[in-house]
Amino acid sequence: MAKAKNILFIMFDQLRWDYLSCYGHPHLHTPHIDGLAKRGVRFTRAYIQSPICGSSRMSTYTGRYVQSHGASNNGIPLKVGELTIGDHLRKAGMQSWLVGKTHMRADAEGMARLGLAHDSLIGARVAECGFDIFERDDGMRPEGPDGLYDPDGARAYNDYLRGKGYDSDNPWHDFANSALDGDGNVLSGWFLKHAPHPANIDEADSETPYLTTRGMEFMESHDGPWCCHLSYIKPHWPYIVPEPYASMYGPEHILPVNRCDVERQRAHPVLKAFMDTKVGQAFSQDHVREAVIPAYMGLIKQADDQIGRLLDWMEDTGRMQDTMIVITSDHGDFLGDHWLGEKTFFQDASTKVPLIVYDPAPEADTTRGTTCNALVESIDLAPTFVDAAGGEVADHILEGESLLPILRGQRSDTFRAHAICEYDYSTSPIAEQLGVETRDAVMFMIASKKWKLIHCEGGFRPLLFDLENDPQELDDLGVSAAHEAVIEELYDHLFAWARRPSQRTTRSLRQLEEMRMKSGKRGIVLGVYDENDAPPELTAKYRGRKARDWRQR
């Protein structure tokens, strides 16, 4: 094996950490992803920085917390000036390319202010989260009375489908994400009752195989060094999958739901508001879970098969020998756990993600097939990639830490004691229902290996979970007098995190240290009463000088 020349950064969308067999799922066998884990390191405590697509991805791509980069929800632009993986890697001599989804929203106002045209090289990179684009496909082309959710969603994929004979103005919906009844009527995948039906598409033409092919086409046409972000759309909803995957799983393969009546009866008011959403109410019903989860599992099984196809191709073409491979997800999916659907709260079903890293370098031989229980965050990937590329990690900008020392057996743990996750629900009707001011519609999670504290702005009490004695996170200890000291300590750590100088990104730590003494030799002599109180060389420019007297004019 040789040192990694390239990086293949694979991200799935809405893939739960515990829905892979290498993480313990008893029925959903994922041998290809498991096989990569046997050749690399599998992390068991990897946390995202926000439980929603856009802001989670922006943290991963910038290597910075949501509070730092500011793109706190879907549709909120990433500010012009925020550096990303692409910017850092190009400085290290490695190109950065996208195949698939980013959920990036460009800062159009900021670009216009700086005169950055979208069709210029720099402007295109700023508008695309620092990536050069092989194909962007956010995989979302729903349409309602106000038009398309994303006019650019699935654009190239729709063209591909039409070229294959899928005749429709939106084949993404009518074929890839819908079923068909006996009379030829489209059964939309948006309706959860249709999840058990097979998608009306040839499996080879569905979204996951399509993006796998595009990823291979990228690698075939590009010399390194490169980082390719192969960003899959599934198993994100709509929950529908083509055969043979639609028939692989049934109610007997569904894991028992992780919730209890007391949890709902005693629910924190903010948590209860999320339970009471339409999606929360839907997934609180057993028949909905029985319809959706087998399809969700089928989407994951298809994804694993495509990883097998991809890895076989990389092996056959020699690319496994010089390519670091990372597999992760942007967040999980509650699927009815905790009386919730979707992902927008902080239990592990949402905030903990799979993370598997294969490093072909011989230095990583000692850790192959191991698991790591270190507390890891998604923001660690950016500095890891820079480190692997041989660059200098800009630790005054990147807030994560490189995992390369762990991958190569030099360390067994990260330096952090806590993981942070944030969610801004100011654009949700929940904020109005709770009577929360827009600026207060934010929540923070701080988790150690033992405890998880959730703070909700707006005057609400905290939530607290004992992750060792209550790993299912069913017993909220936020009102427990016996745990006041624990809560206070976690708040101290959260406040310390909030006070970090995260916006001080234009000077490195070394430059700041060098600046401590520079001004002392540039003529500033504050506090000097007599010229003889300062070293002569510092005040030489002020001694023995003559000037014309203008006072008597």
Protein backbone atom coordinates (compact mmCIF):
# COMPACT_ATOMS: atom_id res chain seq x y z
CA MET A 1 0.00 0.00 0.00
CA ALA A 2 1.07 3.59 -0.64
CA LYS A 3 0.35 6.93 0.93
CA ALA A 4 -3.07 8.29 0.04
CA LYS A 5 -2.84 10.35 -3.11
CA ASN A 6 -6.59 10.97 -3.32
CA ILE A 7 -9.57 11.17 -0.96
CA LEU A 8 -13.00 9.71 -1.72
CA PHE A 9 -15.38 11.38 0.73
CA ILE A 10 -18.70 9.48 0.69
CA MET A 11 -21.68 10.93 2.52
CA PHE A 12 -25.14 9.41 2.70
CA ASP A 13 -28.16 11.50 3.54
CA GLN A 14 -30.24 10.63 6.61
CA LEU A 15 -28.48 7.31 7.28
CA ARG A 16 -28.82 6.24 10.92
CA TRP A 17 -25.65 4.99 12.56
CA ASP A 18 -27.34 1.84 13.86
CA TYR A 19 -28.80 0.77 10.50
CA LEU A 20 -25.58 -0.92 9.36
CA SER A 21 -24.64 -4.44 10.41
CA CYS A 22 -21.15 -3.35 11.49
CA TYR A 23 -22.91 -1.08 14.00
CA GLY A 24 -25.13 -3.90 15.22
CA HIS A 25 -28.31 -4.05 13.12
CA PRO A 26 -29.45 -7.68 13.33
CA HIS A 27 -31.41 -7.87 10.08
CA LEU A 28 -29.95 -5.27 7.71
CA HIS A 29 -26.74 -6.85 6.46
CA THR A 30 -24.30 -4.42 4.83
CA PRO A 31 -21.26 -6.57 3.98
CA HIS A 32 -19.57 -4.08 1.66
CA ILE A 33 -19.55 -1.18 4.13
CA ASP A 34 -18.64 -3.69 6.84
CA GLY A 35 -15.76 -4.88 4.66
CA LEU A 36 -14.38 -1.36 4.38
CA ALA A 37 -14.59 -1.06 8.17
CA LYS A 38 -12.46 -4.22 8.43
CA ARG A 39 -9.80 -2.47 6.36
CA GLY A 40 -9.99 0.80 8.28
CA VAL A 41 -11.23 2.33 11.53
CA ARG A 42 -14.87 2.44 12.60
CA PHE A 43 -15.72 5.31 14.94
CA THR A 44 -18.51 4.63 17.45
CA ARG A 45 -19.04 8.13 18.86
CA ALA A 46 -19.19 10.43 15.84
CA TYR A 47 -21.53 13.42 16.22
CA ILE A 48 -22.84 15.92 13.71
CA GLN A 49 -22.96 19.65 14.45
CA SER A 50 -26.61 20.24 13.49
CA PRO A 51 -29.55 17.83 13.05
CA ILE A 52 -30.62 19.06 9.62
CA CYS A 53 -29.10 18.69 6.15
CA GLY A 54 -27.90 22.18 5.26
CA SER A 55 -26.30 23.35 8.48
CA SER A 56 -24.82 19.93 9.24
CA ARG A 57 -23.15 19.83 5.85
CA MET A 58 -21.90 23.41 6.12
CA SER A 59 -20.16 22.46 9.37
CA THR A 60 -18.61 19.41 7.74
CA TYR A 61 -17.47 21.37 4.68
CA THR A 62 -16.09 24.34 6.64
CA GLY A 63 -14.74 22.40 9.61
CA ARG A 64 -16.53 24.93 11.82
CA TYR A 65 -19.44 24.95 14.25
CA VAL A 66 -22.79 26.37 13.14
CA GLN A 67 -22.36 29.35 15.46
CA SER A 68 -19.14 30.10 13.59
CA HIS A 69 -20.23 29.77 9.94
CA GLY A 70 -23.77 31.07 10.45
CA ALA A 71 -25.63 28.88 7.92
CA SER A 72 -27.92 27.64 10.66
CA ASN A 73 -30.70 25.97 8.65
CA ASN A 74 -31.66 24.87 5.17
CA GLY A 75 -31.92 27.87 2.86
CA ILE A 76 -29.64 30.09 4.96
CA PRO A 77 -26.63 31.00 2.80
CA LEU A 78 -23.06 30.25 3.74
CA LYS A 79 -21.41 33.65 4.10
CA VAL A 80 -18.96 34.80 1.47
CA GLY A 81 -15.54 34.49 3.05
CA GLU A 82 -16.11 31.22 4.87
CA LEU A 83 -13.34 28.87 3.78
CA THR A 84 -14.23 25.27 2.98
CA ILE A 85 -12.56 21.91 2.42
CA GLY A 86 -11.92 22.92 -1.19
CA ASP A 87 -10.10 26.11 -0.21
CA HIS A 88 -7.91 24.36 2.34
CA LEU A 89 -7.12 21.41 0.06
CA ARG A 90 -6.26 23.54 -2.96
CA LYS A 91 -3.74 25.36 -0.79
CA ALA A 92 -2.24 21.94 -0.03
CA GLY A 93 -2.11 21.08 -3.75
CA MET A 94 -5.24 18.90 -3.91
CA GLN A 95 -8.32 19.63 -6.02
CA SER A 96 -11.80 19.26 -4.55
CA TRP A 97 -14.73 18.03 -6.65
CA LEU A 98 -18.42 17.37 -6.05
CA VAL A 99 -20.53 14.49 -7.32
CA GLY A 100 -23.97 14.75 -5.72
CA LYS A 101 -25.54 16.78 -2.93
CA THR A 102 -24.36 19.70 -0.78
CA HIS A 103 -27.60 21.54 0.15
CA MET A 104 -25.46 24.68 -0.19
CA ARG A 105 -27.23 28.01 -0.61
CA ALA A 106 -24.96 30.70 -2.06
CA ASP A 107 -24.64 34.13 -0.46
CA ALA A 108 -25.90 35.98 -3.55
CA GLU A 109 -25.93 39.39 -1.84
CA GLY A 110 -22.39 38.95 -0.59
CA MET A 111 -21.18 37.83 -4.01
CA ALA A 112 -22.84 40.82 -5.67
CA ARG A 113 -21.27 43.19 -3.15
CA LEU A 114 -17.84 41.82 -3.99
CA GLY A 115 -18.49 41.65 -7.72
CA LEU A 116 -18.14 37.86 -7.88
CA ALA A 117 -19.86 36.51 -10.98
CA HIS A 118 -21.40 33.04 -10.60
CA ASP A 119 -19.88 31.96 -13.92
CA SER A 120 -16.32 32.95 -12.96
CA LEU A 121 -13.96 30.34 -11.52
CA ILE A 122 -13.80 31.95 -8.08
CA GLY A 123 -17.47 32.87 -8.11
CA ALA A 124 -18.50 29.33 -9.01
CA ARG A 125 -16.45 27.92 -6.16
CA VAL A 126 -17.86 30.43 -3.69
CA ALA A 127 -21.38 29.58 -4.85
CA GLU A 128 -20.75 25.82 -4.63
CA CYS A 129 -19.27 25.49 -1.16
CA GLY A 130 -15.69 25.52 -2.43
CA PHE A 131 -16.11 22.56 -4.75
CA ASP A 132 -15.50 22.33 -8.45
CA ILE A 133 -18.60 20.70 -9.88
CA PHE A 134 -18.57 17.42 -11.77
CA GLU A 135 -22.30 17.09 -11.09
CA ARG A 136 -24.36 18.69 -8.37
CA ASP A 137 -27.54 16.83 -7.56
CA ASP A 138 -29.35 17.75 -4.36
CA GLY A 139 -31.94 15.17 -5.31
CA MET A 140 -34.95 17.27 -4.48
CA ARG A 141 -37.41 18.26 -7.19
CA PRO A 142 -40.82 18.38 -5.50
CA GLU A 143 -43.37 20.83 -6.85
CA GLY A 144 -46.22 22.62 -5.12
CA PRO A 145 -48.54 25.57 -5.70
CA ASP A 146 -45.63 27.98 -5.27
CA GLY A 147 -43.49 26.13 -7.79
CA LEU A 148 -40.47 23.86 -7.46
CA TYR A 149 -38.71 23.48 -4.12
CA ASP A 150 -35.39 23.53 -5.96
CA PRO A 151 -35.50 24.48 -9.66
CA ASP A 152 -31.99 23.03 -10.08
CA GLY A 153 -32.73 19.83 -8.18
CA ALA A 154 -32.12 16.59 -10.11
CA ARG A 155 -31.71 18.60 -13.32
CA ALA A 156 -29.04 16.40 -14.91
CA TYR A 157 -30.62 13.26 -13.46
CA ASN A 158 -33.98 14.17 -15.02
CA ASP A 159 -32.26 14.69 -18.37
CA TYR A 160 -30.64 11.28 -17.97
CA LEU A 161 -34.00 9.64 -17.21
CA ARG A 162 -35.72 11.28 -20.15
CA GLY A 163 -32.87 10.09 -22.35
CA LYS A 164 -33.59 6.56 -21.11
CA GLY A 165 -37.25 6.86 -22.09
CA TYR A 166 -38.86 7.93 -18.81
CA ASP A 167 -41.29 10.35 -20.39
CA SER A 168 -42.37 13.02 -17.92
CA ASP A 169 -41.86 16.69 -17.08
CA ASN A 170 -40.46 15.47 -13.74
CA PRO A 171 -39.27 11.84 -13.97
CA TRP A 172 -37.49 12.29 -10.60
CA HIS A 173 -40.94 12.25 -9.04
CA ASP A 174 -43.03 10.18 -11.44
CA PHE A 175 -40.59 7.27 -11.73
CA ALA A 176 -37.64 7.36 -9.34
CA ASN A 177 -39.70 8.38 -6.31
CA SER A 178 -43.17 7.01 -7.03
CA ALA A 179 -44.88 3.70 -7.63
CA LEU A 180 -47.58 2.76 -10.16
CA ASP A 181 -50.94 1.09 -9.72
CA GLY A 182 -52.60 -1.37 -12.09
CA ASP A 183 -54.30 1.41 -14.02
CA GLY A 184 -51.11 3.35 -14.65
CA ASN A 185 -51.72 5.95 -11.94
CA VAL A 186 -48.66 7.44 -10.25
CA LEU A 187 -48.55 6.63 -6.54
CA SER A 188 -46.46 9.48 -5.16
CA GLY A 189 -43.63 8.57 -2.82
CA TRP A 190 -44.50 11.64 -0.77
CA PHE A 191 -47.44 9.70 0.70
CA LEU A 192 -46.09 7.32 3.31
CA LYS A 193 -48.73 4.69 2.55
CA HIS A 194 -47.02 4.09 -0.81
CA ALA A 195 -43.65 3.25 0.75
CA PRO A 196 -44.23 -0.54 0.54
CA HIS A 197 -44.70 -0.33 -3.25
CA PRO A 198 -41.68 -0.63 -5.54
CA ALA A 199 -40.54 2.54 -7.27
CA ASN A 200 -41.53 2.50 -10.95
CA ILE A 201 -37.98 2.53 -12.29
CA ASP A 202 -35.35 0.10 -13.45
CA GLU A 203 -33.12 -0.35 -10.41
CA ALA A 204 -30.00 0.48 -12.42
CA ASP A 205 -31.51 3.87 -13.29
CA SER A 206 -32.46 4.85 -9.75
CA GLU A 207 -30.63 7.60 -7.88
CA THR A 208 -28.06 5.60 -5.92
CA PRO A 209 -26.69 3.56 -8.87
CA TYR A 210 -26.76 6.69 -11.01
CA LEU A 211 -24.54 8.63 -8.59
CA THR A 212 -22.24 5.63 -8.16
CA THR A 213 -21.71 5.60 -11.92
CA ARG A 214 -21.06 9.32 -11.95
CA GLY A 215 -18.51 8.91 -9.17
CA MET A 216 -16.65 6.26 -11.17
CA GLU A 217 -16.80 8.45 -14.26
CA PHE A 218 -15.22 11.27 -12.28
CA MET A 219 -12.38 9.09 -11.03
CA GLU A 220 -11.80 7.65 -14.49
CA SER A 221 -11.46 11.11 -16.04
CA HIS A 222 -9.38 12.92 -13.40
CA ASP A 223 -5.80 12.52 -12.36
CA GLY A 224 -4.95 13.21 -8.77
CA PRO A 225 -4.39 14.47 -6.31
CA TRP A 226 -8.11 15.06 -5.78
CA CYS A 227 -10.77 14.91 -3.11
CA CYS A 228 -14.04 13.67 -4.60
CA HIS A 229 -17.12 14.28 -2.47
CA LEU A 230 -19.48 11.52 -3.60
CA SER A 231 -22.61 12.67 -1.83
CA TYR A 232 -25.56 10.30 -2.09
CA ILE A 233 -29.16 11.46 -1.80
CA LYS A 234 -30.62 8.36 -0.17
CA PRO A 235 -31.87 6.95 2.17
CA HIS A 236 -33.41 10.42 2.63
CA TRP A 237 -37.14 10.60 1.95
CA PRO A 238 -39.22 10.08 -0.15
CA TYR A 239 -39.09 6.58 1.33
CA ILE A 240 -39.51 4.38 -1.72
CA VAL A 241 -37.13 1.96 -3.44
CA PRO A 242 -37.21 -0.17 -6.59
CA GLU A 243 -37.18 -3.94 -6.70
CA PRO A 244 -35.54 -6.18 -5.64
CA TYR A 245 -35.05 -4.01 -2.55
CA ALA A 246 -38.72 -3.14 -2.09
CA SER A 247 -39.51 -6.76 -1.16
CA MET A 248 -36.45 -7.58 0.96
CA TYR A 249 -37.77 -6.49 4.34
CA GLY A 250 -41.06 -6.69 6.19
CA PRO A 251 -42.55 -5.95 9.61
CA GLU A 252 -40.59 -8.86 11.11
CA HIS A 253 -37.34 -6.99 10.39
CA ILE A 254 -38.37 -3.77 12.13
CA LEU A 255 -36.56 -3.11 15.38
CA PRO A 256 -38.70 -2.37 18.46
CA VAL A 257 -39.44 1.32 18.70
CA ASN A 258 -37.40 3.23 21.28
CA ARG A 259 -39.97 5.24 23.20
CA CYS A 260 -42.21 5.00 26.26
CA ASP A 261 -45.45 6.57 27.43
CA VAL A 262 -43.84 8.33 30.38
CA GLU A 263 -41.37 9.99 28.01
CA ARG A 264 -44.26 11.61 26.16
CA GLN A 265 -46.34 12.43 29.21
CA ARG A 266 -43.42 14.23 30.89
CA ALA A 267 -41.95 15.72 27.74
CA HIS A 268 -40.09 19.01 27.89
CA PRO A 269 -42.27 21.67 26.17
CA VAL A 270 -39.87 22.12 23.26
CA LEU A 271 -39.47 18.38 22.75
CA LYS A 272 -43.26 17.97 22.97
CA ALA A 273 -43.70 20.59 20.24
CA PHE A 274 -41.53 18.48 17.94
CA MET A 275 -43.45 15.34 18.93
CA ASP A 276 -46.67 17.11 17.96
CA THR A 277 -45.58 18.02 14.43
CA LYS A 278 -47.29 16.22 11.55
CA VAL A 279 -44.23 14.06 10.92
CA GLY A 280 -43.89 13.28 14.63
CA GLN A 281 -47.53 12.26 14.89
CA ALA A 282 -47.25 10.15 11.75
CA PHE A 283 -44.23 8.15 12.92
CA SER A 284 -45.82 7.67 16.33
CA GLN A 285 -48.25 5.30 14.61
CA ASP A 286 -47.15 1.68 14.20
CA HIS A 287 -48.72 1.24 10.78
CA VAL A 288 -46.68 4.17 9.45
CA ARG A 289 -43.45 2.68 10.77
CA GLU A 290 -44.39 -0.69 9.29
CA ALA A 291 -44.89 0.93 5.90
CA VAL A 292 -41.79 3.13 5.89
CA ILE A 293 -39.00 1.29 7.68
CA PRO A 294 -38.78 -1.70 5.29
CA ALA A 295 -38.40 0.78 2.41
CA TYR A 296 -35.79 2.73 4.39
CA MET A 297 -33.92 -0.52 4.96
CA GLY A 298 -34.19 -1.37 1.27
CA LEU A 299 -32.65 1.99 0.35
CA ILE A 300 -29.73 1.26 2.69
CA LYS A 301 -29.28 -2.26 1.31
CA GLN A 302 -29.17 -0.80 -2.19
CA ALA A 303 -26.61 1.76 -1.02
CA ASP A 304 -24.42 -1.01 0.41
CA ASP A 305 -24.60 -2.97 -2.84
CA GLN A 306 -23.54 0.14 -4.73
CA ILE A 307 -20.61 0.63 -2.34
CA GLY A 308 -19.64 -2.95 -3.19
CA ARG A 309 -19.84 -2.16 -6.89
CA LEU A 310 -17.75 0.97 -6.37
CA LEU A 311 -15.08 -0.71 -4.23
CA ASP A 312 -14.76 -3.63 -6.66
CA TRP A 313 -14.20 -1.17 -9.49
CA MET A 314 -11.64 0.74 -7.45
CA GLU A 315 -9.85 -2.50 -6.62
CA ASP A 316 -9.81 -3.59 -10.28
CA THR A 317 -8.44 -0.22 -11.41
CA GLY A 318 -5.81 0.09 -8.67
CA ARG A 319 -7.44 3.05 -6.97
CA MET A 320 -7.80 1.36 -3.59
CA GLN A 321 -4.04 1.53 -3.26
CA ASP A 322 -3.78 5.31 -3.19
CA THR A 323 -7.20 6.60 -2.12
CA MET A 324 -8.36 7.37 1.41
CA ILE A 325 -12.06 6.47 1.68
CA VAL A 326 -14.45 7.99 4.21
CA ILE A 327 -18.07 6.90 4.70
CA THR A 328 -20.41 8.91 6.89
CA SER A 329 -23.84 10.59 7.01
CA ASP A 330 -25.10 14.13 7.56
CA HIS A 331 -27.58 13.04 10.27
CA GLY A 332 -29.89 10.19 11.23
CA ASP A 333 -33.66 9.61 11.22
CA PHE A 334 -35.89 9.10 14.26
CA LEU A 335 -38.32 6.72 12.49
CA GLY A 336 -40.71 6.96 15.43
CA ASP A 337 -38.16 6.73 18.23
CA HIS A 338 -38.93 9.19 21.03
CA TRP A 339 -42.31 9.87 19.34
CA LEU A 340 -40.46 11.75 16.60
CA GLY A 341 -40.00 11.64 12.86
CA GLU A 342 -37.35 13.35 10.78
CA LYS A 343 -34.15 14.41 12.57
CA THR A 344 -34.52 17.81 14.21
CA PHE A 345 -33.78 16.99 17.82
CA PHE A 346 -30.73 15.75 19.72
CA GLN A 347 -31.11 12.10 20.67
CA ASP A 348 -28.50 9.76 19.19
CA ALA A 349 -30.90 8.47 16.53
CA SER A 350 -30.44 11.86 14.88
CA THR A 351 -27.12 13.30 16.02
CA LYS A 352 -24.86 10.25 16.05
CA VAL A 353 -23.66 9.07 12.64
CA PRO A 354 -21.62 6.23 11.18
CA LEU A 355 -18.02 7.12 10.40
CA ILE A 356 -15.64 4.68 8.72
CA VAL A 357 -12.22 5.73 7.46
CA TYR A 358 -9.92 3.60 5.29
CA ASP A 359 -6.37 4.91 4.98
CA PRO A 360 -4.18 3.02 2.48
CA ALA A 361 -0.95 4.30 4.04
CA PRO A 362 1.26 1.61 5.65
CA GLU A 363 1.31 3.74 8.80
CA ALA A 364 -2.36 2.78 9.25
CA ASP A 365 -1.74 -0.99 9.17
CA THR A 366 -1.78 -1.28 12.97
CA THR A 367 -5.36 0.06 13.23
CA ARG A 368 -7.03 -1.89 10.42
CA GLY A 369 -10.29 -3.48 11.49
CA THR A 370 -10.41 -1.64 14.80
CA THR A 371 -13.09 0.46 16.43
CA CYS A 372 -12.46 3.79 18.12
CA ASN A 373 -14.60 5.10 20.98
CA ALA A 374 -13.16 8.60 20.85
CA LEU A 375 -15.54 11.53 20.90
CA VAL A 376 -15.46 12.68 17.27
CA GLU A 377 -17.27 15.48 15.44
CA SER A 378 -18.01 15.94 11.75
CA ILE A 379 -15.85 19.07 11.77
CA ASP A 380 -12.86 16.74 12.26
CA LEU A 381 -13.01 15.60 8.64
CA ALA A 382 -11.75 18.85 7.11
CA PRO A 383 -8.51 18.96 9.15
CA THR A 384 -8.08 15.21 8.61
CA PHE A 385 -8.21 15.71 4.84
CA VAL A 386 -5.75 18.62 4.97
CA ASP A 387 -3.42 16.54 7.14
CA ALA A 388 -3.68 13.58 4.75
CA ALA A 389 -2.94 15.88 1.81
CA GLY A 390 0.26 17.02 3.50
CA GLY A 391 -0.99 20.54 4.18
CA GLU A 392 -0.73 22.65 7.30
CA VAL A 393 -3.96 22.59 9.29
CA ALA A 394 -5.16 26.17 9.83
CA ASP A 395 -6.27 25.61 13.41
CA HIS A 396 -7.30 29.25 13.85
CA ILE A 397 -10.01 28.57 11.24
CA LEU A 398 -10.71 24.84 11.43
CA GLU A 399 -12.34 24.04 14.77
CA GLY A 400 -12.06 20.26 14.53
CA GLU A 401 -8.96 18.13 14.95
CA SER A 402 -7.23 15.77 12.55
CA LEU A 403 -8.04 12.09 13.03
CA LEU A 404 -4.90 11.01 11.22
CA PRO A 405 -2.99 10.31 14.48
CA ILE A 406 -5.81 7.94 15.53
CA LEU A 407 -5.93 6.28 12.10
CA ARG A 408 -2.18 5.66 12.30
CA GLY A 409 -2.05 4.42 15.88
CA GLN A 410 -0.34 7.44 17.38
CA ARG A 411 -3.30 8.27 19.63
CA SER A 412 -6.41 6.45 20.78
CA ASP A 413 -8.56 9.46 21.64
CA THR A 414 -9.29 13.00 20.59
CA PHE A 415 -8.42 15.96 22.80
CA ARG A 416 -12.02 17.02 23.33
CA ALA A 417 -14.18 16.16 26.31
CA HIS A 418 -17.48 17.25 24.75
CA ALA A 419 -19.30 17.26 21.41
CA ILE A 420 -21.51 20.18 20.38
CA CYS A 421 -24.62 20.20 18.20
CA GLU A 422 -26.90 23.17 17.43
CA TYR A 423 -30.32 23.68 15.88
CA ASP A 424 -31.99 26.91 14.78
CA TYR A 425 -35.75 26.41 14.45
CA SER A 426 -36.57 30.09 13.91
CA THR A 427 -38.05 29.37 10.47
CA SER A 428 -40.33 26.63 11.83
CA PRO A 429 -43.96 27.13 12.92
CA ILE A 430 -42.85 25.54 16.19
CA ALA A 431 -41.26 28.84 17.23
CA GLU A 432 -44.61 30.62 16.95
CA GLN A 433 -46.46 27.79 18.69
CA LEU A 434 -44.07 28.04 21.63
CA GLY A 435 -44.26 31.83 21.69
CA VAL A 436 -40.50 32.08 21.27
CA GLU A 437 -38.87 35.16 19.80
CA THR A 438 -37.03 34.54 16.55
CA ARG A 439 -33.63 35.17 18.12
CA ASP A 440 -34.42 32.70 20.92
CA ALA A 441 -35.56 29.83 18.68
CA VAL A 442 -32.25 28.01 19.02
CA MET A 443 -31.07 24.94 20.91
CA PHE A 444 -27.68 23.55 21.86
CA MET A 445 -26.53 20.06 22.77
CA ILE A 446 -23.35 19.36 24.70
CA ALA A 447 -22.47 15.70 25.15
CA SER A 448 -19.67 13.86 26.90
CA LYS A 449 -19.27 10.10 26.95
CA LYS A 450 -21.36 10.09 30.13
CA TRP A 451 -23.86 12.96 29.86
CA LYS A 452 -25.91 14.86 27.30
CA LEU A 453 -27.33 18.30 28.13
CA ILE A 454 -29.77 20.11 25.84
CA HIS A 455 -30.21 23.85 26.33
CA CYS A 456 -33.16 25.67 24.77
CA GLU A 457 -33.09 29.47 24.63
CA GLY A 458 -36.29 31.30 25.57
CA GLY A 459 -36.39 30.61 29.28
CA PHE A 460 -36.89 26.85 29.14
CA ARG A 461 -35.35 24.39 31.56
CA PRO A 462 -32.59 22.09 30.26
CA LEU A 463 -32.89 18.42 29.34
CA LEU A 464 -30.34 15.95 30.70
CA PHE A 465 -29.66 12.32 29.79
CA ASP A 466 -27.36 9.81 31.46
CA LEU A 467 -25.83 8.08 28.44
CA GLU A 468 -24.22 5.32 30.50
CA ASN A 469 -27.23 4.23 32.56
CA ASP A 470 -29.91 5.34 30.08
CA PRO A 471 -28.40 4.86 26.58
CA GLN A 472 -31.93 4.87 25.12
CA GLU A 473 -32.33 8.49 26.33
CA LEU A 474 -35.80 7.91 27.74
CA ASP A 475 -35.40 9.44 31.21
CA ASP A 476 -35.01 13.23 31.14
CA LEU A 477 -33.16 14.26 34.31
CA GLY A 478 -33.37 17.98 33.61
CA VAL A 479 -35.68 18.55 36.61
CA SER A 480 -33.75 16.24 38.96
CA ALA A 481 -32.44 18.05 42.03
CA ALA A 482 -29.88 15.27 42.46
CA HIS A 483 -28.30 16.23 39.13
CA GLU A 484 -28.06 20.00 39.60
CA ALA A 485 -24.27 19.85 39.96
CA VAL A 486 -23.96 17.86 36.71
CA ILE A 487 -26.17 20.35 34.90
CA GLU A 488 -24.17 23.28 36.26
CA GLU A 489 -20.87 21.70 35.20
CA LEU A 490 -22.14 21.02 31.67
CA TYR A 491 -23.41 24.60 31.42
CA ASP A 492 -19.95 25.82 32.41
CA HIS A 493 -18.46 23.82 29.54
CA LEU A 494 -21.14 25.07 27.13
CA PHE A 495 -20.51 28.69 28.11
CA ALA A 496 -16.76 28.20 27.73
CA TRP A 497 -17.37 26.85 24.23
CA ALA A 498 -19.61 29.84 23.42
CA ARG A 499 -16.86 32.26 24.49
CA ARG A 500 -14.21 30.87 22.14
CA PRO A 501 -12.83 33.43 19.62
CA SER A 502 -14.25 31.57 16.63
CA GLN A 503 -14.48 34.62 14.37
CA ARG A 504 -10.78 35.47 14.70
CA THR A 505 -9.82 33.74 11.47
CA THR A 506 -7.57 36.23 9.63
CA ARG A 507 -4.47 35.61 11.76
CA SER A 508 -2.99 32.30 12.85
CA LEU A 509 -2.07 31.59 16.46
CA ARG A 510 1.61 31.90 15.57
CA GLN A 511 1.01 35.27 13.92
CA LEU A 512 -0.84 36.50 16.99
CA GLU A 513 2.05 35.48 19.20
CA GLU A 514 4.52 37.23 16.91
CA MET A 515 2.40 40.41 17.00
CA ARG A 516 2.83 40.67 20.78
CA MET A 517 6.22 42.35 20.44
CA LYS A 518 6.13 43.81 16.92
CA SER A 519 4.44 47.07 17.86
CA GLY A 520 7.13 47.64 20.49
CA LYS A 521 9.66 48.42 17.77
CA ARG A 522 7.42 50.58 15.62
CA GLY A 523 7.45 53.81 17.54
CA ILE A 524 4.71 53.29 20.10
CA VAL A 525 6.10 54.12 23.56
CA LEU A 526 2.96 54.25 25.72
CA GLY A 527 3.53 54.82 29.41
CA VAL A 528 7.05 56.24 29.04
CA TYR A 529 7.42 59.35 31.21
CA ASP A 530 11.05 60.16 30.41
CA GLU A 531 12.94 59.28 27.25
CA ASN A 532 15.61 57.67 29.39
CA ASP A 533 13.02 55.24 30.77
CA ALA A 534 12.95 53.41 27.42
CA PRO A 535 15.74 51.59 25.56
CA PRO A 536 17.58 54.17 23.39
CA GLU A 537 17.10 52.18 20.18
CA LEU A 538 13.32 52.29 20.56
CA THR A 539 13.22 56.10 20.84
CA ALA A 540 16.09 56.96 18.49
CA LYS A 541 13.68 58.51 15.97
CA TYR A 542 12.43 60.92 18.64
CA ARG A 543 15.82 62.16 19.95
CA GLY A 544 17.97 65.01 18.64
CA ARG A 545 15.37 66.27 16.16
CA LYS A 546 14.98 69.95 15.11
CA ALA A 547 11.92 71.72 13.75
CA ARG A 548 10.97 75.28 12.68
CA ASP A 549 9.06 77.25 15.31
CA TRP A 550 5.54 78.00 14.04
CA ARG A 551 4.11 79.11 17.36
CA GLN A 552 4.95 82.85 16.98
CA ARG A 553 3.28 83.46 13.64
